[in-house]
Amino acid sequence: SAVGRGPEVPFRSEAYRISAIARGKELRLTLSALDPAAANPPQDLVFRFGMSGSFRLCPAAELPRHAHLRFVTLESPPRALCFVDPRRFGSWRLGDAWQPERGPCVVSEYQAFRGNVLKNLDDRAFDKPICEVLLNQKYFNGIGNYLRAEILYRLKIPPFEKARTVLEALKDQEQERRKKDPSLTLSKKVKLRQENPDLLELCHTVPMEVIMAEKQLFDPEHSDNYAAFKNWLQCYLVPGMSSLRDRSGRTIWFQGEPGPMAPKGEPRKTPRKKSPQLKADPEAPTPKVTPRALKQRRRAAANPPKSEEEEEEKEEEADRLRKARTCRRRKATAAPALPEPEVPLSVRRSRRTSARRGKGETGSP
């Protein structure tokens, strides 16, 4: 679309195939011409979804608003596969390279992910609370805000426990397990892990639960489906849970004590009454193309986008500022008028006498 922030896609073909592969919070699409004699080589695009990005398949004549990139089918009537992003926090870039600062994927590269964490526990990144480290995509590529809350809740780990303390315990447990019974078969090892999963294993299995039930869990436009996702949540946004903002400004939901590294301030309790159902953000009309919008597109193509986590933190900070301004306005509107100071009786009599004399009256009959 003309207002999209992503770069132009130079690929041109009458008939082509789209294939995809995911890694953590990124998705790579490959466009390949069906005609083997086509001059166009395959084109790769790597997407990040931000807070509101998604793909949607719909009739080409009924494109949703904020469909910033469209792939149209050859069937009749044609349909369009659209990258939809109302907040425009998502992005795509040309080429097949993943972001270099992201580690192995928690879903598709589990063993590499686990090894990458355990062999780097001396990194200063693990001096932070475990809830903050779980958002570090260098080590936990694919874990986001709601997933970290669900993982820590299931294991009853305080979110502000030091990350190294939690993870070194896993390293020690793994070594002890091998020493105790090196003859365990693979099936027995798998069974033991299923019965007593550790934090790194849940970083793999909890996202897999969401992926396996994706069609039922994620669809904000269909209230029944979105209600299924809310019912799946055990901690995140659940009434009765506590919440605190971590040092990066993100909110973590938990139950029980926050842990020794918790920031100052009492945890907030989520009200136990049923919260109103979350709805998709209202979609504003698509703006017309302006010179400023075209400049933004060219600038986005020239400059690599910020990390998704930085964008989400920026959005949450903007939301907090908006709420604070609204709260101040309400307080100013609701503030009671100050009572007028009471005038002494002698002063009031003096004023009445002066007023009568000014009209030519005497002070007494």
Foldseek 3Di string as FASTA:
>chain_A
DLLAQEADDPDDEPDWDWDWDDWFQKIKIWTGHPDPPDPDHIWIKIKGAFPAWDKDKAQPVDDDPQQRDWDWDPDVVIIITGTHHQVNLMYMATDDDDPPQADGGLAPPVVRLLVVCLVPLVDCLQQFFQLVSCPRRSRLRNDDQLLSQQLCAVVVHQRGARRSVQNVVVVVVVVVVCVVPVPDDPVNVVVVCVVPPGSSVSSHVVVVVCVVCVVQCDDQVDQRSVVVVVVPRDWVLAAFWWWDQDPLRDIHTHHDDNYDRGDDDDTDGHHNPDDDDDHDDDHDHDDDNDPVSNVSSVVPNVDPDDDSVVVNSVVSVVVVVVVVVVVVVVCVVPPDDDDDDDDDPVVVLVVVQVVQVVVVHHPDD
